[in-house]
């Protein structure tokens, strides 16, 4: 009886390997992206506090096919931001889409993992209110381009 239980526990642990770290306080939400192949829904962690934004997806070894992290800046009194992202201590290649207040995707960038202190930065050509990180190639695979729309509401 103990051996089958051990196997079940091991499978459960492996299945959770890509889950958020236990100290994550990011809430789970969803984003719908309207691209040329129709709407695509992505389950996201909402990194809406400064600490959650700073940690991002650092240290993760994988991310599910339709999963990601959304970074929102609605709490910034000055409106849209121009901050750049970097991949310090991020282990998986990602793509990021920046969107405006009306949900229009302003830019999509592919980002490389970085394990040094001199990492590349990635930004939008114009101010944005949100950014969505997903596995690299996700946007291309789903026919999502700059000018398409993202719907996200807390």
C-alpha atoms as a PDB file:
ATOM      1  CA  UNK A   1       0.000   0.000   0.000  1.00  0.00           C
ATOM      2  CA  UNK A   2       2.873   2.409   0.727  1.00  0.00           C
ATOM      3  CA  UNK A   3       4.471   2.066  -2.716  1.00  0.00           C
ATOM      4  CA  UNK A   4       1.360   3.233  -4.671  1.00  0.00           C
ATOM      5  CA  UNK A   5       0.953   6.163  -2.281  1.00  0.00           C
ATOM      6  CA  UNK A   6       4.607   7.141  -2.783  1.00  0.00           C
ATOM      7  CA  UNK A   7       4.145   7.043  -6.567  1.00  0.00           C
ATOM      8  CA  UNK A   8       1.066   9.301  -6.329  1.00  0.00           C
ATOM      9  CA  UNK A   9       2.940  11.782  -4.121  1.00  0.00           C
ATOM     10  CA  UNK A  10       5.913  11.847  -6.520  1.00  0.00           C
ATOM     11  CA  UNK A  11       3.653  12.495  -9.519  1.00  0.00           C
ATOM     12  CA  UNK A  12       1.917  15.302  -7.616  1.00  0.00           C
ATOM     13  CA  UNK A  13       5.262  16.933  -6.822  1.00  0.00           C
ATOM     14  CA  UNK A  14       6.460  16.672 -10.416  1.00  0.00           C
ATOM     15  CA  UNK A  15       3.173  18.147 -11.627  1.00  0.00           C
ATOM     16  CA  UNK A  16       3.698  21.174  -9.385  1.00  0.00           C
ATOM     17  CA  UNK A  17       7.296  21.774 -10.456  1.00  0.00           C
ATOM     18  CA  UNK A  18       6.421  24.850 -12.531  1.00  0.00           C
ATOM     19  CA  UNK A  19       4.073  26.346  -9.953  1.00  0.00           C
ATOM     20  CA  UNK A  20       4.704  29.646  -8.241  1.00  0.00           C
ATOM     21  CA  UNK A  21       7.101  29.727  -5.332  1.00  0.00           C
ATOM     22  CA  UNK A  22       5.381  29.284  -1.978  1.00  0.00           C
ATOM     23  CA  UNK A  23       6.119  32.888  -1.007  1.00  0.00           C
ATOM     24  CA  UNK A  24       4.319  34.245  -4.084  1.00  0.00           C
ATOM     25  CA  UNK A  25       1.375  36.470  -3.287  1.00  0.00           C
ATOM     26  CA  UNK A  26       0.466  37.133  -6.909  1.00  0.00           C
ATOM     27  CA  UNK A  27      -3.192  36.462  -7.586  1.00  0.00           C
ATOM     28  CA  UNK A  28      -4.323  34.213 -10.448  1.00  0.00           C
ATOM     29  CA  UNK A  29      -6.338  35.814 -13.228  1.00  0.00           C
ATOM     30  CA  UNK A  30      -6.771  35.483 -16.964  1.00  0.00           C
ATOM     31  CA  UNK A  31      -5.961  37.569 -20.006  1.00  0.00           C
ATOM     32  CA  UNK A  32      -7.662  37.302 -23.375  1.00  0.00           C
ATOM     33  CA  UNK A  33      -5.627  38.261 -26.425  1.00  0.00           C
ATOM     34  CA  UNK A  34      -7.430  38.972 -29.692  1.00  0.00           C
ATOM     35  CA  UNK A  35      -5.121  38.032 -32.572  1.00  0.00           C
ATOM     36  CA  UNK A  36      -5.461  36.982 -36.199  1.00  0.00           C
ATOM     37  CA  UNK A  37      -6.295  33.368 -35.233  1.00  0.00           C
ATOM     38  CA  UNK A  38      -9.062  34.409 -32.827  1.00  0.00           C
ATOM     39  CA  UNK A  39      -9.099  34.954 -29.075  1.00  0.00           C
ATOM     40  CA  UNK A  40      -6.517  33.212 -26.891  1.00  0.00           C
ATOM     41  CA  UNK A  41      -6.990  32.937 -23.139  1.00  0.00           C
ATOM     42  CA  UNK A  42      -3.920  32.846 -20.876  1.00  0.00           C
ATOM     43  CA  UNK A  43      -3.974  32.015 -17.168  1.00  0.00           C
ATOM     44  CA  UNK A  44      -1.681  34.523 -15.469  1.00  0.00           C
ATOM     45  CA  UNK A  45      -0.227  35.441 -12.152  1.00  0.00           C
ATOM     46  CA  UNK A  46      -0.961  39.132 -11.576  1.00  0.00           C
ATOM     47  CA  UNK A  47       2.256  40.760 -10.338  1.00  0.00           C
ATOM     48  CA  UNK A  48       0.762  44.087  -9.308  1.00  0.00           C
ATOM     49  CA  UNK A  49       2.914  45.045  -6.318  1.00  0.00           C
ATOM     50  CA  UNK A  50       6.465  46.387  -6.561  1.00  0.00           C
ATOM     51  CA  UNK A  51       7.855  43.250  -4.846  1.00  0.00           C
ATOM     52  CA  UNK A  52       5.954  40.893  -7.193  1.00  0.00           C
ATOM     53  CA  UNK A  53       7.086  42.898 -10.239  1.00  0.00           C
ATOM     54  CA  UNK A  54      10.701  42.754  -9.084  1.00  0.00           C
ATOM     55  CA  UNK A  55      10.609  38.975  -8.516  1.00  0.00           C
ATOM     56  CA  UNK A  56       8.677  38.204 -11.708  1.00  0.00           C
ATOM     57  CA  UNK A  57       9.453  34.717 -13.016  1.00  0.00           C
ATOM     58  CA  UNK A  58      12.954  34.551 -11.505  1.00  0.00           C
ATOM     59  CA  UNK A  59      14.067  31.049 -10.638  1.00  0.00           C
ATOM     60  CA  UNK A  60      11.253  29.257 -12.460  1.00  0.00           C
ATOM     61  CA  UNK A  61      12.306  26.212 -14.452  1.00  0.00           C
ATOM     62  CA  UNK A  62       9.190  26.032 -16.620  1.00  0.00           C
ATOM     63  CA  UNK A  63       5.932  27.745 -17.476  1.00  0.00           C
ATOM     64  CA  UNK A  64       2.785  26.027 -18.737  1.00  0.00           C
ATOM     65  CA  UNK A  65       1.786  26.343 -22.395  1.00  0.00           C
ATOM     66  CA  UNK A  66      -1.046  28.843 -21.763  1.00  0.00           C
ATOM     67  CA  UNK A  67       0.350  30.412 -18.611  1.00  0.00           C
ATOM     68  CA  UNK A  68       2.171  33.638 -17.953  1.00  0.00           C
ATOM     69  CA  UNK A  69       2.674  36.591 -15.678  1.00  0.00           C
ATOM     70  CA  UNK A  70       1.059  39.974 -16.096  1.00  0.00           C
ATOM     71  CA  UNK A  71       2.649  43.153 -14.756  1.00  0.00           C
ATOM     72  CA  UNK A  72       0.183  45.970 -14.172  1.00  0.00           C
ATOM     73  CA  UNK A  73       0.933  49.571 -13.391  1.00  0.00           C
ATOM     74  CA  UNK A  74      -2.534  50.959 -12.592  1.00  0.00           C
ATOM     75  CA  UNK A  75      -1.336  52.004  -9.145  1.00  0.00           C
ATOM     76  CA  UNK A  76       1.198  54.438 -10.618  1.00  0.00           C
ATOM     77  CA  UNK A  77      -0.247  57.938 -10.134  1.00  0.00           C
ATOM     78  CA  UNK A  78       1.476  59.327 -13.226  1.00  0.00           C
ATOM     79  CA  UNK A  79      -0.274  56.913 -15.603  1.00  0.00           C
ATOM     80  CA  UNK A  80       1.594  54.844 -18.220  1.00  0.00           C
ATOM     81  CA  UNK A  81       5.215  53.903 -17.541  1.00  0.00           C
ATOM     82  CA  UNK A  82       8.380  53.510 -19.601  1.00  0.00           C
ATOM     83  CA  UNK A  83      10.248  51.060 -17.342  1.00  0.00           C
ATOM     84  CA  UNK A  84      12.262  48.302 -18.981  1.00  0.00           C
ATOM     85  CA  UNK A  85      12.379  44.615 -18.062  1.00  0.00           C
ATOM     86  CA  UNK A  86      15.399  42.388 -17.645  1.00  0.00           C
ATOM     87  CA  UNK A  87      15.870  38.658 -17.221  1.00  0.00           C
ATOM     88  CA  UNK A  88      18.250  38.557 -14.231  1.00  0.00           C
ATOM     89  CA  UNK A  89      18.081  35.066 -12.689  1.00  0.00           C
ATOM     90  CA  UNK A  90      15.274  34.065 -15.059  1.00  0.00           C
ATOM     91  CA  UNK A  91      15.968  30.556 -16.316  1.00  0.00           C
ATOM     92  CA  UNK A  92      13.504  30.169 -19.199  1.00  0.00           C
ATOM     93  CA  UNK A  93      13.274  32.127 -22.479  1.00  0.00           C
ATOM     94  CA  UNK A  94      10.241  34.406 -22.545  1.00  0.00           C
ATOM     95  CA  UNK A  95       8.347  36.747 -24.833  1.00  0.00           C
ATOM     96  CA  UNK A  96       6.785  39.935 -23.506  1.00  0.00           C
ATOM     97  CA  UNK A  97       3.969  42.096 -24.885  1.00  0.00           C
ATOM     98  CA  UNK A  98       3.477  45.676 -23.691  1.00  0.00           C
ATOM     99  CA  UNK A  99      -0.007  47.211 -23.949  1.00  0.00           C
ATOM    100  CA  UNK A 100      -1.549  50.686 -23.755  1.00  0.00           C
ATOM    101  CA  UNK A 101      -4.497  51.915 -21.679  1.00  0.00           C
ATOM    102  CA  UNK A 102      -6.936  50.906 -24.451  1.00  0.00           C
ATOM    103  CA  UNK A 103      -5.474  47.354 -24.617  1.00  0.00           C
ATOM    104  CA  UNK A 104      -3.523  47.786 -27.855  1.00  0.00           C
ATOM    105  CA  UNK A 105      -0.289  45.777 -27.986  1.00  0.00           C
ATOM    106  CA  UNK A 106       2.477  48.324 -28.496  1.00  0.00           C
ATOM    107  CA  UNK A 107       5.467  45.986 -28.701  1.00  0.00           C
ATOM    108  CA  UNK A 108       6.408  42.313 -28.497  1.00  0.00           C
ATOM    109  CA  UNK A 109       9.953  41.353 -27.528  1.00  0.00           C
ATOM    110  CA  UNK A 110      11.734  37.992 -27.193  1.00  0.00           C
ATOM    111  CA  UNK A 111      13.904  37.838 -24.072  1.00  0.00           C
ATOM    112  CA  UNK A 112      16.908  35.650 -23.249  1.00  0.00           C
ATOM    113  CA  UNK A 113      17.572  34.125 -19.807  1.00  0.00           C
ATOM    114  CA  UNK A 114      20.387  35.889 -17.956  1.00  0.00           C
ATOM    115  CA  UNK A 115      22.505  34.631 -15.081  1.00  0.00           C
ATOM    116  CA  UNK A 116      24.985  37.515 -14.888  1.00  0.00           C
ATOM    117  CA  UNK A 117      24.779  41.042 -13.488  1.00  0.00           C
ATOM    118  CA  UNK A 118      24.943  42.602 -16.959  1.00  0.00           C
ATOM    119  CA  UNK A 119      21.651  41.589 -18.550  1.00  0.00           C
ATOM    120  CA  UNK A 120      19.968  43.100 -21.594  1.00  0.00           C
ATOM    121  CA  UNK A 121      16.870  45.198 -21.010  1.00  0.00           C
ATOM    122  CA  UNK A 122      13.616  45.056 -22.967  1.00  0.00           C
ATOM    123  CA  UNK A 123      11.082  47.842 -23.296  1.00  0.00           C
ATOM    124  CA  UNK A 124       8.305  49.416 -25.286  1.00  0.00           C
ATOM    125  CA  UNK A 125       8.795  52.248 -27.793  1.00  0.00           C
ATOM    126  CA  UNK A 126       6.044  54.198 -26.000  1.00  0.00           C
ATOM    127  CA  UNK A 127       4.569  54.328 -22.476  1.00  0.00           C
ATOM    128  CA  UNK A 128       2.451  51.342 -21.440  1.00  0.00           C
ATOM    129  CA  UNK A 129       0.130  50.271 -18.598  1.00  0.00           C
ATOM    130  CA  UNK A 130       0.745  46.517 -18.637  1.00  0.00           C
ATOM    131  CA  UNK A 131       3.061  43.791 -19.814  1.00  0.00           C
ATOM    132  CA  UNK A 132       2.479  40.070 -20.328  1.00  0.00           C
ATOM    133  CA  UNK A 133       5.277  37.486 -20.134  1.00  0.00           C
ATOM    134  CA  UNK A 134       4.745  34.046 -21.683  1.00  0.00           C
ATOM    135  CA  UNK A 135       6.955  31.283 -23.080  1.00  0.00           C
ATOM    136  CA  UNK A 136       9.069  32.525 -25.960  1.00  0.00           C
ATOM    137  CA  UNK A 137       7.327  31.996 -29.279  1.00  0.00           C
ATOM    138  CA  UNK A 138       3.815  32.010 -27.783  1.00  0.00           C
ATOM    139  CA  UNK A 139       2.705  35.187 -29.556  1.00  0.00           C
ATOM    140  CA  UNK A 140       4.027  34.057 -32.939  1.00  0.00           C
ATOM    141  CA  UNK A 141       2.500  30.590 -32.514  1.00  0.00           C
ATOM    142  CA  UNK A 142      -0.930  32.147 -31.902  1.00  0.00           C
ATOM    143  CA  UNK A 143      -0.691  34.795 -34.633  1.00  0.00           C
ATOM    144  CA  UNK A 144      -0.527  37.665 -32.137  1.00  0.00           C
ATOM    145  CA  UNK A 145       1.133  40.850 -33.371  1.00  0.00           C
ATOM    146  CA  UNK A 146       1.668  44.456 -32.415  1.00  0.00           C
ATOM    147  CA  UNK A 147      -1.620  46.310 -32.876  1.00  0.00           C
ATOM    148  CA  UNK A 148      -3.721  43.372 -31.608  1.00  0.00           C
ATOM    149  CA  UNK A 149      -5.633  43.744 -28.327  1.00  0.00           C
ATOM    150  CA  UNK A 150      -5.300  42.410 -24.786  1.00  0.00           C
ATOM    151  CA  UNK A 151      -8.247  42.331 -22.392  1.00  0.00           C
ATOM    152  CA  UNK A 152      -7.294  42.202 -18.730  1.00  0.00           C
ATOM    153  CA  UNK A 153      -9.365  43.249 -15.775  1.00  0.00           C
ATOM    154  CA  UNK A 154      -8.737  42.437 -12.163  1.00  0.00           C
END
